[in-house]
Structures are given as structure tokens and as C-alpha cells.
Protein backbone atom coordinates (compact mmCIF):
# COMPACT_ATOMS: atom_id res chain seq x y z
CA UNK A 1 0.00 0.00 0.00
CA UNK A 2 1.28 3.45 -0.91
CA UNK A 3 2.02 6.03 1.75
CA UNK A 4 0.09 9.31 1.89
CA UNK A 5 3.16 11.09 0.50
CA UNK A 6 3.37 8.70 -2.46
CA UNK A 7 -0.33 9.12 -3.20
CA UNK A 8 -0.04 12.92 -3.10
CA UNK A 9 3.02 12.78 -5.37
CA UNK A 10 1.29 10.52 -7.88
CA UNK A 11 -1.84 12.69 -7.76
CA UNK A 12 0.15 15.82 -8.54
CA UNK A 13 1.93 14.00 -11.36
CA UNK A 14 -1.45 13.00 -12.81
CA UNK A 15 -2.71 16.58 -12.58
CA UNK A 16 0.55 17.87 -14.06
CA UNK A 17 0.13 15.60 -17.08
CA UNK A 18 -3.16 17.31 -18.02
CA UNK A 19 -3.11 20.78 -16.43
CA UNK A 20 -0.74 23.71 -16.12
CA UNK A 21 0.27 25.09 -12.70
CA UNK A 22 -2.53 27.67 -12.57
CA UNK A 23 -5.14 25.06 -13.54
CA UNK A 24 -3.83 22.66 -10.88
CA UNK A 25 -4.19 25.37 -8.25
CA UNK A 26 -7.70 26.19 -9.47
CA UNK A 27 -8.62 22.48 -9.36
CA UNK A 28 -7.43 22.21 -5.75
CA UNK A 29 -9.37 25.35 -4.75
CA UNK A 30 -12.52 24.03 -6.46
CA UNK A 31 -12.27 20.66 -4.71
CA UNK A 32 -11.66 22.27 -1.32
CA UNK A 33 -14.53 24.73 -1.79
CA UNK A 34 -17.14 22.12 -2.63
CA UNK A 35 -18.57 19.46 -0.38
CA UNK A 36 -17.26 16.79 -2.73
CA UNK A 37 -17.98 13.17 -1.87
CA UNK A 38 -15.60 11.18 -4.06
CA UNK A 39 -17.17 7.85 -3.10
CA UNK A 40 -20.66 9.00 -4.09
CA UNK A 41 -19.30 10.52 -7.32
CA UNK A 42 -17.62 7.22 -8.25
CA UNK A 43 -20.85 5.35 -7.53
CA UNK A 44 -22.56 7.11 -10.45
CA UNK A 45 -19.56 7.60 -12.75
CA UNK A 46 -20.27 4.58 -14.96
CA UNK A 47 -24.00 4.14 -14.38
CA UNK A 48 -24.86 4.69 -18.07
CA UNK A 49 -22.24 2.23 -19.32
CA UNK A 50 -22.32 -1.54 -19.64
CA UNK A 51 -19.50 -3.74 -18.32
CA UNK A 52 -18.23 -4.40 -21.88
CA UNK A 53 -18.17 -0.64 -22.56
CA UNK A 54 -16.21 0.01 -19.37
CA UNK A 55 -13.79 -2.79 -20.24
CA UNK A 56 -13.32 -1.37 -23.73
CA UNK A 57 -12.55 2.10 -22.35
CA UNK A 58 -10.10 0.61 -19.86
CA UNK A 59 -8.33 -1.30 -22.62
CA UNK A 60 -8.13 1.83 -24.81
CA UNK A 61 -6.71 3.79 -21.88
CA UNK A 62 -4.19 1.06 -21.11
CA UNK A 63 -2.94 0.89 -24.70
CA UNK A 64 -2.72 4.68 -24.92
CA UNK A 65 -0.73 4.99 -21.69
CA UNK A 66 1.88 2.26 -22.11
């Protein structure tokens, strides 16, 4: 299991791969400002997709990020 420090590092690396420094800061402010329940959000993330569709997206992502 990763340490909190490793998780934070990996999270910032993920943000850095898609956002610039100003956008990362804005993202953090937005998350802190909202009452954001990640678990509830994840519960509904794929509700309109079938298992095969999710698997296909995961495979596409995996191939793209090798």
C-alpha cells in the first residue's frame, strides 16, 4: 500500500500531465470549496455504461498509456 506522501506525489503528477500550474491550483481550490464526496461521485460515474463498454474504455486507456 502506498504512503500518503506517495499518493499525493502521484496525484500531482497526474494533474501535471493534463493541467498547467494555474489550472492545478484552481482544481485544488474548487475541490476544497465544494462538499465533494468522491465515493458517491464514483458510484454514479459509470451508471450509463455496460460492463463491456467500461472494459473497452479501460483497454483503450491502457494501450494509450503504455
